[in-house]
N, C-alpha and C. Protein backbone atom coordinates (compact mmCIF):
# COMPACT_ATOMS: atom_id res chain seq x y z
N UNK A 1 0.79 -1.13 -0.03
CA UNK A 1 -0.01 0.07 0.00
C UNK A 1 0.83 1.24 -0.02
N UNK A 2 0.33 2.21 -0.52
CA UNK A 2 1.14 3.47 -0.65
C UNK A 2 0.55 4.54 0.29
N UNK A 3 1.47 5.24 0.70
CA UNK A 3 1.08 6.24 1.62
C UNK A 3 1.34 7.51 0.82
N UNK A 4 0.43 8.36 0.89
CA UNK A 4 0.55 9.72 0.26
C UNK A 4 0.80 10.74 1.32
N UNK A 5 1.75 11.51 1.07
CA UNK A 5 2.09 12.50 1.95
C UNK A 5 1.50 13.88 1.40
N UNK A 6 0.87 14.54 2.25
CA UNK A 6 0.36 15.81 1.83
C UNK A 6 1.20 16.98 2.47
N UNK A 7 2.13 17.44 1.72
CA UNK A 7 3.00 18.34 2.30
C UNK A 7 2.67 19.80 1.93
N UNK A 8 1.67 19.96 1.06
CA UNK A 8 1.25 21.29 0.67
C UNK A 8 0.22 21.78 1.69
N UNK A 9 0.39 23.03 2.10
CA UNK A 9 -0.58 23.52 3.04
C UNK A 9 -1.96 23.78 2.36
N UNK A 10 -2.98 23.82 3.12
CA UNK A 10 -4.34 23.82 2.73
C UNK A 10 -4.58 25.18 1.89
N UNK A 11 -4.03 26.20 2.21
CA UNK A 11 -4.23 27.50 1.54
C UNK A 11 -3.71 27.36 0.09
N UNK A 12 -2.51 26.76 -0.04
CA UNK A 12 -1.91 26.64 -1.34
C UNK A 12 -2.74 25.66 -2.16
N UNK A 13 -3.33 24.65 -1.53
CA UNK A 13 -4.08 23.71 -2.29
C UNK A 13 -5.29 24.35 -2.94
N UNK A 14 -5.92 25.21 -2.14
CA UNK A 14 -7.11 25.99 -2.73
C UNK A 14 -6.69 26.86 -3.84
N UNK A 15 -5.49 27.45 -3.67
CA UNK A 15 -4.96 28.31 -4.75
C UNK A 15 -4.72 27.56 -5.99
N UNK A 16 -4.08 26.43 -5.90
CA UNK A 16 -3.73 25.65 -7.01
C UNK A 16 -4.97 25.11 -7.73
N UNK A 17 -6.02 24.70 -6.86
CA UNK A 17 -7.25 24.25 -7.38
C UNK A 17 -7.97 25.35 -8.25
N UNK A 18 -7.89 26.54 -7.68
CA UNK A 18 -8.54 27.66 -8.40
C UNK A 18 -7.75 27.96 -9.61
N UNK A 19 -6.40 27.79 -9.62
CA UNK A 19 -5.63 28.08 -10.83
C UNK A 19 -5.95 27.04 -11.92
N UNK A 20 -6.15 25.76 -11.48
CA UNK A 20 -6.49 24.74 -12.41
C UNK A 20 -7.93 25.01 -13.01
N UNK A 21 -8.90 25.35 -12.18
CA UNK A 21 -10.21 25.70 -12.65
C UNK A 21 -10.12 26.84 -13.64
N UNK A 22 -9.37 27.86 -13.21
CA UNK A 22 -9.20 29.01 -14.14
C UNK A 22 -8.66 28.67 -15.45
N UNK A 23 -7.56 27.82 -15.39
CA UNK A 23 -6.93 27.33 -16.64
C UNK A 23 -7.94 26.54 -17.51
N UNK A 24 -8.67 25.69 -16.85
CA UNK A 24 -9.66 24.91 -17.57
C UNK A 24 -10.73 25.87 -18.18
N UNK A 25 -11.24 26.82 -17.43
CA UNK A 25 -12.24 27.67 -17.95
C UNK A 25 -11.62 28.55 -19.16
N UNK A 26 -10.35 28.92 -18.91
CA UNK A 26 -9.73 29.71 -19.94
C UNK A 26 -9.63 28.99 -21.29
N UNK A 27 -9.29 27.65 -21.12
CA UNK A 27 -9.17 26.79 -22.32
C UNK A 27 -10.54 26.64 -22.96
N UNK A 28 -11.53 26.44 -22.15
CA UNK A 28 -12.88 26.23 -22.70
C UNK A 28 -13.40 27.48 -23.38
N UNK A 29 -13.09 28.59 -22.88
CA UNK A 29 -13.55 29.91 -23.41
C UNK A 29 -12.77 30.06 -24.78
N UNK A 30 -11.44 29.77 -24.75
CA UNK A 30 -10.74 29.88 -26.05
C UNK A 30 -11.27 28.99 -27.09
N UNK A 31 -11.49 27.69 -26.73
CA UNK A 31 -12.13 26.68 -27.72
C UNK A 31 -13.46 27.18 -28.28
N UNK A 32 -14.38 27.62 -27.31
CA UNK A 32 -15.67 28.15 -27.72
C UNK A 32 -15.44 29.44 -28.64
N UNK A 33 -14.58 30.25 -28.30
CA UNK A 33 -14.34 31.42 -29.03
C UNK A 33 -13.79 31.09 -30.47
N UNK A 34 -12.82 30.25 -30.50
CA UNK A 34 -12.27 29.75 -31.84
C UNK A 34 -13.42 29.09 -32.66
N UNK A 35 -14.22 28.24 -31.97
CA UNK A 35 -15.26 27.53 -32.72
C UNK A 35 -16.29 28.58 -33.21
N UNK A 36 -16.61 29.62 -32.39
CA UNK A 36 -17.53 30.67 -32.82
C UNK A 36 -17.03 31.47 -33.96
N UNK A 37 -15.71 31.83 -33.90
CA UNK A 37 -15.13 32.53 -35.03
C UNK A 37 -15.10 31.72 -36.36
N UNK A 38 -14.84 30.44 -36.22
CA UNK A 38 -14.85 29.55 -37.41
C UNK A 38 -16.27 29.43 -38.07
N UNK A 39 -17.23 29.30 -37.11
CA UNK A 39 -18.64 29.24 -37.59
C UNK A 39 -19.02 30.51 -38.19
N UNK A 40 -18.67 31.64 -37.63
CA UNK A 40 -19.01 32.95 -38.13
C UNK A 40 -18.35 33.15 -39.54
N UNK A 41 -17.10 32.68 -39.63
CA UNK A 41 -16.50 32.90 -41.03
C UNK A 41 -17.17 32.04 -42.05
N UNK A 42 -17.55 30.74 -41.65
CA UNK A 42 -18.30 29.86 -42.65
C UNK A 42 -19.66 30.58 -42.96
N UNK A 43 -20.32 31.07 -41.95
CA UNK A 43 -21.59 31.78 -42.29
C UNK A 43 -21.47 33.04 -43.12
N UNK A 44 -20.43 33.72 -42.92
CA UNK A 44 -20.17 34.97 -43.78
C UNK A 44 -19.84 34.55 -45.07
N UNK A 45 -19.06 33.43 -45.35
CA UNK A 45 -18.72 33.00 -46.62
C UNK A 45 -20.00 32.49 -47.41
N UNK A 46 -20.86 31.73 -46.64
CA UNK A 46 -22.04 31.34 -47.27
C UNK A 46 -23.00 32.47 -47.65
N UNK A 47 -23.02 33.48 -46.79
CA UNK A 47 -23.81 34.65 -47.11
C UNK A 47 -23.35 35.35 -48.35
N UNK A 48 -22.02 35.41 -48.53
CA UNK A 48 -21.43 36.05 -49.64
C UNK A 48 -21.76 35.22 -50.92
N UNK A 49 -21.52 33.95 -50.86
CA UNK A 49 -21.90 33.10 -51.91
C UNK A 49 -23.37 33.18 -52.36
N UNK A 50 -24.29 33.19 -51.30
CA UNK A 50 -25.61 33.28 -51.65
C UNK A 50 -26.01 34.65 -52.21
N UNK A 51 -25.32 35.76 -51.78
CA UNK A 51 -25.56 37.08 -52.39
C UNK A 51 -25.12 37.10 -53.82
N UNK A 52 -24.01 36.42 -54.14
CA UNK A 52 -23.57 36.39 -55.55
C UNK A 52 -24.51 35.63 -56.38
N UNK A 53 -25.01 34.47 -55.86
CA UNK A 53 -26.00 33.69 -56.57
C UNK A 53 -27.35 34.37 -56.84
N UNK A 54 -27.71 35.14 -55.76
CA UNK A 54 -28.94 35.94 -55.85
C UNK A 54 -28.80 36.97 -56.93
N UNK A 55 -27.66 37.68 -56.89
CA UNK A 55 -27.48 38.73 -57.97
C UNK A 55 -27.37 38.18 -59.33
N UNK A 56 -26.79 36.95 -59.54
CA UNK A 56 -26.78 36.29 -60.77
C UNK A 56 -28.14 35.95 -61.25
N UNK A 57 -28.94 35.39 -60.40
CA UNK A 57 -30.30 35.06 -60.71
C UNK A 57 -31.13 36.28 -61.04
N UNK A 58 -31.05 37.33 -60.33
CA UNK A 58 -31.78 38.51 -60.62
C UNK A 58 -31.37 39.07 -62.04
N UNK A 59 -30.08 39.08 -62.31
CA UNK A 59 -29.63 39.54 -63.61
C UNK A 59 -30.21 38.67 -64.80
N UNK A 60 -30.19 37.36 -64.61
CA UNK A 60 -30.67 36.43 -65.58
C UNK A 60 -32.25 36.60 -65.74
N UNK A 61 -32.94 36.80 -64.59
CA UNK A 61 -34.35 36.92 -64.71
C UNK A 61 -34.76 38.21 -65.34
N UNK A 62 -33.95 39.31 -65.05
CA UNK A 62 -34.23 40.59 -65.71
C UNK A 62 -34.07 40.52 -67.16
N UNK A 63 -33.04 39.83 -67.67
CA UNK A 63 -32.83 39.61 -69.05
C UNK A 63 -33.94 38.88 -69.67
N UNK A 64 -34.46 37.80 -69.05
CA UNK A 64 -35.44 37.06 -69.65
C UNK A 64 -36.75 37.82 -69.58
N UNK A 65 -36.96 38.65 -68.49
CA UNK A 65 -38.21 39.46 -68.46
C UNK A 65 -38.15 40.56 -69.51
N UNK A 66 -37.04 41.12 -69.85
CA UNK A 66 -36.92 42.08 -70.85
C UNK A 66 -37.21 41.45 -72.18
N UNK A 67 -36.62 40.29 -72.43
CA UNK A 67 -36.93 39.60 -73.71
C UNK A 67 -38.32 39.24 -73.83
N UNK A 68 -38.97 38.74 -72.78
CA UNK A 68 -40.32 38.49 -72.74
C UNK A 68 -41.22 39.65 -72.93
N UNK A 69 -40.79 40.73 -72.32
CA UNK A 69 -41.55 41.99 -72.46
C UNK A 69 -41.59 42.40 -74.00
N UNK A 70 -40.49 42.32 -74.65
CA UNK A 70 -40.50 42.68 -76.11
C UNK A 70 -41.47 41.74 -76.84
N UNK A 71 -41.39 40.54 -76.54
CA UNK A 71 -42.31 39.55 -77.23
C UNK A 71 -43.79 39.87 -76.86
N UNK A 72 -44.07 40.07 -75.57
CA UNK A 72 -45.37 40.45 -75.16
C UNK A 72 -45.91 41.68 -75.87
N UNK A 73 -45.04 42.73 -76.03
CA UNK A 73 -45.45 43.88 -76.75
C UNK A 73 -45.82 43.61 -78.24
N UNK A 74 -45.03 42.63 -78.85
CA UNK A 74 -45.35 42.24 -80.29
C UNK A 74 -46.66 41.55 -80.29
N UNK A 75 -46.90 40.63 -79.33
CA UNK A 75 -48.17 39.92 -79.32
C UNK A 75 -49.34 40.84 -79.09
N UNK A 76 -49.13 41.85 -78.25
CA UNK A 76 -50.23 42.86 -77.92
C UNK A 76 -50.52 43.56 -79.16
N UNK A 77 -49.50 44.04 -79.98
CA UNK A 77 -49.60 44.73 -81.16
C UNK A 77 -50.35 43.93 -82.19
N UNK A 78 -49.87 42.61 -82.32
CA UNK A 78 -50.63 41.84 -83.31
C UNK A 78 -52.09 41.57 -82.92
N UNK A 79 -52.39 41.40 -81.59
CA UNK A 79 -53.77 41.22 -81.18
C UNK A 79 -54.59 42.39 -81.52
N UNK A 80 -54.03 43.65 -81.41
CA UNK A 80 -54.73 44.87 -81.76
C UNK A 80 -55.02 44.95 -83.18
N UNK A 81 -53.97 44.51 -83.95
CA UNK A 81 -54.15 44.52 -85.41
C UNK A 81 -55.27 43.50 -85.89
N UNK A 82 -55.28 42.31 -85.14
CA UNK A 82 -56.28 41.31 -85.50
C UNK A 82 -57.67 41.77 -85.18
N UNK A 83 -57.77 42.49 -84.01
CA UNK A 83 -59.11 42.92 -83.61
C UNK A 83 -59.61 44.10 -84.45
N UNK A 84 -58.71 44.93 -84.98
CA UNK A 84 -59.03 45.99 -85.94
C UNK A 84 -59.49 45.34 -87.18
N UNK A 85 -58.79 44.34 -87.72
CA UNK A 85 -59.14 43.67 -88.92
C UNK A 85 -60.38 42.96 -88.80
N UNK A 86 -60.69 42.28 -87.62
CA UNK A 86 -62.03 41.69 -87.39
C UNK A 86 -63.16 42.68 -87.43
N UNK A 87 -62.94 43.78 -86.82
CA UNK A 87 -64.00 44.84 -86.77
C UNK A 87 -64.27 45.40 -88.16
N UNK A 88 -63.19 45.56 -88.92
CA UNK A 88 -63.37 46.06 -90.36
C UNK A 88 -64.08 44.95 -91.10
N UNK A 89 -63.73 43.69 -90.94
CA UNK A 89 -64.36 42.61 -91.63
C UNK A 89 -65.80 42.47 -91.30
N UNK A 90 -66.13 42.75 -90.13
CA UNK A 90 -67.56 42.62 -89.65
C UNK A 90 -68.39 43.80 -90.16
N UNK A 91 -67.71 44.84 -90.47
CA UNK A 91 -68.51 45.97 -91.05
C UNK A 91 -68.63 45.98 -92.55
N UNK A 92 -67.85 45.09 -93.20
CA UNK A 92 -67.93 45.03 -94.68
C UNK A 92 -69.18 44.23 -94.98
N UNK A 93 -69.89 44.84 -95.98
CA UNK A 93 -71.07 44.11 -96.45
C UNK A 93 -70.76 43.23 -97.64
N UNK A 94 -71.37 42.15 -97.83
CA UNK A 94 -70.99 41.16 -98.83
C UNK A 94 -71.67 41.54 -100.20
N UNK A 95 -71.34 42.78 -100.66
CA UNK A 95 -71.93 43.23 -101.95
C UNK A 95 -71.52 42.40 -103.10
N UNK A 96 -70.22 42.05 -103.26
CA UNK A 96 -69.85 41.22 -104.45
C UNK A 96 -70.59 39.92 -104.53
N UNK A 97 -70.83 39.20 -103.42
CA UNK A 97 -71.45 37.99 -103.41
C UNK A 97 -72.92 38.16 -103.71
N UNK A 98 -73.49 39.27 -103.20
CA UNK A 98 -74.87 39.47 -103.50
C UNK A 98 -75.12 39.88 -105.03
N UNK A 99 -74.24 40.66 -105.53
CA UNK A 99 -74.39 41.02 -106.97
C UNK A 99 -74.14 39.83 -107.95
N UNK A 100 -73.32 38.98 -107.39
CA UNK A 100 -73.11 37.78 -108.23
C UNK A 100 -74.38 36.91 -108.28
N UNK A 101 -75.01 36.72 -107.08
CA UNK A 101 -76.21 35.87 -107.06
C UNK A 101 -77.34 36.66 -107.74
N UNK A 102 -77.39 37.99 -107.68
CA UNK A 102 -78.41 38.76 -108.35
C UNK A 102 -78.23 38.66 -109.84
N UNK A 103 -77.14 38.81 -110.37
CA UNK A 103 -76.83 38.76 -111.81
C UNK A 103 -77.10 37.37 -112.38
N UNK A 104 -76.92 36.31 -111.52
CA UNK A 104 -77.16 34.96 -112.06
C UNK A 104 -78.79 34.73 -112.12
N UNK A 105 -79.53 35.56 -111.35
CA UNK A 105 -81.00 35.39 -111.34
C UNK A 105 -81.65 36.18 -112.53
N UNK A 106 -80.84 36.90 -113.27
CA UNK A 106 -81.45 37.65 -114.41
C UNK A 106 -81.46 36.77 -115.60
N UNK A 107 -82.68 36.48 -116.22
CA UNK A 107 -82.78 35.61 -117.40
C UNK A 107 -82.22 36.35 -118.59
N UNK A 108 -82.00 35.53 -119.74
CA UNK A 108 -81.39 36.15 -120.89
C UNK A 108 -82.21 37.26 -121.55
N UNK A 109 -83.58 37.14 -121.46
CA UNK A 109 -84.51 38.02 -122.22
C UNK A 109 -84.94 39.21 -121.30
N UNK A 110 -84.17 39.42 -120.18
CA UNK A 110 -84.47 40.64 -119.34
C UNK A 110 -83.27 41.53 -119.32
N UNK A 111 -83.53 42.77 -119.59
CA UNK A 111 -82.49 43.81 -119.56
C UNK A 111 -82.62 44.68 -118.35
N UNK A 112 -81.63 44.82 -117.55
CA UNK A 112 -81.69 45.73 -116.37
C UNK A 112 -81.17 47.09 -116.80
N UNK A 113 -81.98 48.10 -116.63
CA UNK A 113 -81.56 49.50 -117.02
C UNK A 113 -80.95 50.17 -115.76
N UNK A 114 -81.54 50.20 -114.67
CA UNK A 114 -81.04 50.81 -113.40
C UNK A 114 -81.19 49.92 -112.23
N UNK A 115 -80.27 50.08 -111.35
CA UNK A 115 -80.30 49.33 -110.09
C UNK A 115 -79.95 50.30 -109.01
N UNK A 116 -80.75 50.38 -107.92
CA UNK A 116 -80.27 51.15 -106.75
C UNK A 116 -80.52 50.32 -105.55
N UNK A 117 -79.47 50.23 -104.73
CA UNK A 117 -79.46 49.42 -103.55
C UNK A 117 -79.31 50.38 -102.33
N UNK A 118 -79.98 50.11 -101.26
CA UNK A 118 -79.85 50.81 -100.01
C UNK A 118 -80.41 49.88 -98.89
N UNK A 119 -79.50 49.76 -97.88
CA UNK A 119 -79.86 48.90 -96.81
C UNK A 119 -81.13 49.44 -96.00
N UNK A 120 -81.30 50.74 -96.02
CA UNK A 120 -82.49 51.33 -95.34
C UNK A 120 -83.75 51.24 -96.13
N UNK A 121 -83.60 51.57 -97.45
CA UNK A 121 -84.77 51.72 -98.30
C UNK A 121 -84.94 50.46 -99.20
N UNK A 122 -84.08 49.55 -99.25
CA UNK A 122 -84.23 48.36 -100.02
C UNK A 122 -83.63 48.57 -101.42
N UNK A 123 -84.15 47.92 -102.42
CA UNK A 123 -83.58 48.04 -103.72
C UNK A 123 -84.72 48.40 -104.81
N UNK A 124 -84.31 49.07 -105.80
CA UNK A 124 -85.21 49.44 -106.91
C UNK A 124 -84.55 49.02 -108.21
N UNK A 125 -85.29 48.18 -108.95
CA UNK A 125 -84.65 47.72 -110.23
C UNK A 125 -85.66 48.10 -111.33
N UNK A 126 -85.13 48.74 -112.34
CA UNK A 126 -85.92 49.01 -113.42
C UNK A 126 -85.30 48.40 -114.78
N UNK A 127 -86.15 47.93 -115.57
CA UNK A 127 -85.61 47.22 -116.90
C UNK A 127 -86.62 46.90 -117.90
N UNK A 128 -86.38 46.01 -118.74
CA UNK A 128 -87.27 45.61 -119.82
C UNK A 128 -87.09 44.08 -119.97
N UNK A 129 -88.35 43.52 -120.09
CA UNK A 129 -88.42 42.12 -120.38
C UNK A 129 -89.02 41.85 -121.74
N UNK A 130 -88.53 40.89 -122.48
CA UNK A 130 -89.12 40.58 -123.84
C UNK A 130 -90.50 40.13 -123.63
N UNK A 131 -90.94 39.36 -122.62
CA UNK A 131 -92.22 38.96 -122.40
C UNK A 131 -92.60 38.94 -120.96
N UNK A 132 -93.87 38.82 -120.57
CA UNK A 132 -94.31 38.73 -119.19
C UNK A 132 -93.80 37.47 -118.58
N UNK A 133 -93.68 36.32 -119.26
CA UNK A 133 -93.07 35.13 -118.72
C UNK A 133 -91.54 35.26 -118.29
N UNK A 134 -90.92 36.09 -119.09
CA UNK A 134 -89.51 36.45 -118.70
C UNK A 134 -89.40 37.24 -117.38
N UNK A 135 -90.40 38.12 -117.25
CA UNK A 135 -90.40 38.99 -116.05
C UNK A 135 -90.78 38.13 -114.82
N UNK A 136 -91.85 37.25 -114.99
CA UNK A 136 -92.15 36.37 -113.93
C UNK A 136 -91.03 35.40 -113.59
N UNK A 137 -90.37 34.90 -114.52
CA UNK A 137 -89.17 34.04 -114.29
C UNK A 137 -88.14 34.76 -113.54
N UNK A 138 -87.92 36.01 -113.90
CA UNK A 138 -86.91 36.85 -113.16
C UNK A 138 -87.37 37.04 -111.74
N UNK A 139 -88.64 37.33 -111.54
CA UNK A 139 -89.17 37.49 -110.13
C UNK A 139 -89.05 36.17 -109.32
N UNK A 140 -89.38 35.09 -109.99
CA UNK A 140 -89.18 33.75 -109.23
C UNK A 140 -87.79 33.45 -108.95
N UNK A 141 -86.88 33.80 -109.82
CA UNK A 141 -85.46 33.59 -109.54
C UNK A 141 -85.07 34.44 -108.32
N UNK A 142 -85.50 35.61 -108.27
CA UNK A 142 -85.25 36.53 -107.13
C UNK A 142 -85.76 36.01 -105.89
N UNK A 143 -86.89 35.30 -105.95
CA UNK A 143 -87.56 34.72 -104.78
C UNK A 143 -86.63 33.64 -104.14
N UNK A 144 -85.95 32.96 -104.94
CA UNK A 144 -85.01 31.88 -104.44
C UNK A 144 -83.84 32.45 -103.65
N UNK A 145 -83.53 33.72 -103.85
CA UNK A 145 -82.37 34.34 -103.18
C UNK A 145 -82.71 34.64 -101.70
N UNK A 146 -82.07 34.06 -100.66
CA UNK A 146 -82.45 34.32 -99.34
C UNK A 146 -82.24 35.79 -98.88
N UNK A 147 -81.48 36.55 -99.63
CA UNK A 147 -81.16 37.90 -99.12
C UNK A 147 -82.30 38.88 -99.67
N UNK A 148 -83.12 38.45 -100.60
CA UNK A 148 -84.17 39.25 -101.14
C UNK A 148 -85.49 38.93 -100.55
N UNK A 149 -86.28 39.93 -100.07
CA UNK A 149 -87.61 39.69 -99.47
C UNK A 149 -88.50 40.69 -99.92
N UNK A 150 -89.72 40.44 -99.92
CA UNK A 150 -90.86 41.41 -100.14
C UNK A 150 -90.77 42.02 -101.52
N UNK A 151 -90.81 41.22 -102.47
CA UNK A 151 -90.68 41.72 -103.82
C UNK A 151 -92.11 42.39 -104.28
N UNK A 152 -91.91 43.67 -104.72
CA UNK A 152 -93.09 44.43 -105.09
C UNK A 152 -93.04 44.62 -106.61
N UNK A 153 -93.92 44.08 -107.34
CA UNK A 153 -94.00 44.27 -108.78
C UNK A 153 -95.36 44.87 -109.13
N UNK A 154 -95.46 46.15 -109.57
CA UNK A 154 -96.79 46.63 -109.80
C UNK A 154 -97.57 45.80 -110.77
N UNK A 155 -98.80 45.74 -110.54
CA UNK A 155 -99.76 44.91 -111.30
C UNK A 155 -99.79 45.41 -112.79
N UNK A 156 -99.52 46.67 -112.98
CA UNK A 156 -99.57 47.30 -114.33
C UNK A 156 -98.43 46.65 -115.20
N UNK A 157 -97.35 46.41 -114.47
CA UNK A 157 -96.15 45.76 -115.25
C UNK A 157 -96.52 44.34 -115.75
N UNK A 158 -97.42 43.69 -114.99
CA UNK A 158 -97.78 42.35 -115.34
C UNK A 158 -98.91 42.24 -116.38
N UNK A 159 -99.59 43.34 -116.65
CA UNK A 159 -100.57 43.33 -117.61
C UNK A 159 -100.11 43.38 -119.02
N UNK A 160 -98.93 43.91 -119.24
CA UNK A 160 -98.35 44.01 -120.64
C UNK A 160 -97.85 42.54 -120.97
N UNK A 161 -98.14 42.05 -122.14
CA UNK A 161 -97.67 40.78 -122.51
C UNK A 161 -96.28 40.66 -123.09
N UNK A 162 -95.97 41.61 -123.96
CA UNK A 162 -94.66 41.58 -124.68
C UNK A 162 -94.00 43.00 -124.40
N UNK A 163 -92.63 43.03 -124.51
CA UNK A 163 -91.87 44.20 -124.30
C UNK A 163 -92.38 44.98 -123.05
N UNK A 164 -92.12 44.32 -121.97
CA UNK A 164 -92.61 44.79 -120.64
C UNK A 164 -91.55 45.67 -119.97
N UNK A 165 -91.82 46.94 -119.70
CA UNK A 165 -90.94 47.81 -118.94
C UNK A 165 -91.42 47.64 -117.48
N UNK A 166 -90.52 47.36 -116.56
CA UNK A 166 -90.86 47.02 -115.21
C UNK A 166 -90.18 47.97 -114.16
N UNK A 167 -90.72 48.03 -113.07
CA UNK A 167 -90.12 48.80 -111.87
C UNK A 167 -90.32 47.94 -110.74
N UNK A 168 -89.39 47.14 -110.26
CA UNK A 168 -89.47 46.17 -109.16
C UNK A 168 -88.74 46.72 -107.96
N UNK A 169 -89.39 46.60 -106.73
CA UNK A 169 -88.82 46.95 -105.45
C UNK A 169 -88.77 45.75 -104.57
N UNK A 170 -87.76 45.68 -103.85
CA UNK A 170 -87.65 44.57 -102.73
C UNK A 170 -86.69 45.06 -101.57
N UNK A 171 -86.79 44.31 -100.50
CA UNK A 171 -85.92 44.66 -99.31
C UNK A 171 -84.76 43.68 -99.34
N UNK A 172 -83.64 44.15 -98.73
CA UNK A 172 -82.45 43.35 -98.66
C UNK A 172 -82.11 42.91 -97.23
N UNK A 173 -81.60 41.74 -97.10
CA UNK A 173 -81.10 41.18 -95.78
C UNK A 173 -79.73 40.53 -96.15
N UNK A 174 -78.69 41.42 -96.23
CA UNK A 174 -77.40 40.89 -96.54
C UNK A 174 -76.75 39.91 -95.58
N UNK A 175 -77.27 39.85 -94.48
CA UNK A 175 -76.82 38.82 -93.51
C UNK A 175 -77.05 37.38 -94.03
N UNK A 176 -77.98 37.22 -94.93
CA UNK A 176 -78.36 35.90 -95.42
C UNK A 176 -77.54 35.54 -96.58
N UNK A 177 -76.64 36.50 -97.10
CA UNK A 177 -75.81 36.13 -98.26
C UNK A 177 -74.69 35.24 -97.78
N UNK A 178 -74.48 34.18 -98.51
CA UNK A 178 -73.44 33.24 -98.16
C UNK A 178 -72.09 33.71 -98.67
N UNK A 179 -71.09 33.88 -97.70
CA UNK A 179 -69.80 34.35 -98.01
C UNK A 179 -68.84 33.23 -97.91
N UNK A 180 -68.13 33.04 -99.03
CA UNK A 180 -67.13 31.86 -98.96
C UNK A 180 -65.96 32.03 -98.09
């Protein structure tokens, strides 16, 4: 067995114990401080890298947005032009199609002298037919046209058998004209 001798007085023992505790605390504070500094450096570097990435993304997004903005302006301009063209097209009346169907309804023995068309007042056609049958054939041909309604042919025009001068009136509905 070993005998330990305690030759250090009690006051010095307390002093040495306090020095050891102080040294241990000093070491722990140094380690914690160094650890905190290292973590702070890592966090600052991460923040710097994230800031650079954020700036890069903002710049790329701004470029894409500017490119898209130019494309959007072109699309908006085209849409306006299309809407203007559509409104113009809706305002155009199908006169060529109507006149084509009207002229195909005129028989060979009927001569048209004057034609006046008005959407508000209707149409007035004057002409000459070789015979009453040709005039009636002309009227029947016009009745088959869906854009022509309410044909008025004076009874006096129907009483003449040959060389019939006529004055025919009718109303127009150009919405019924078939447009290719």
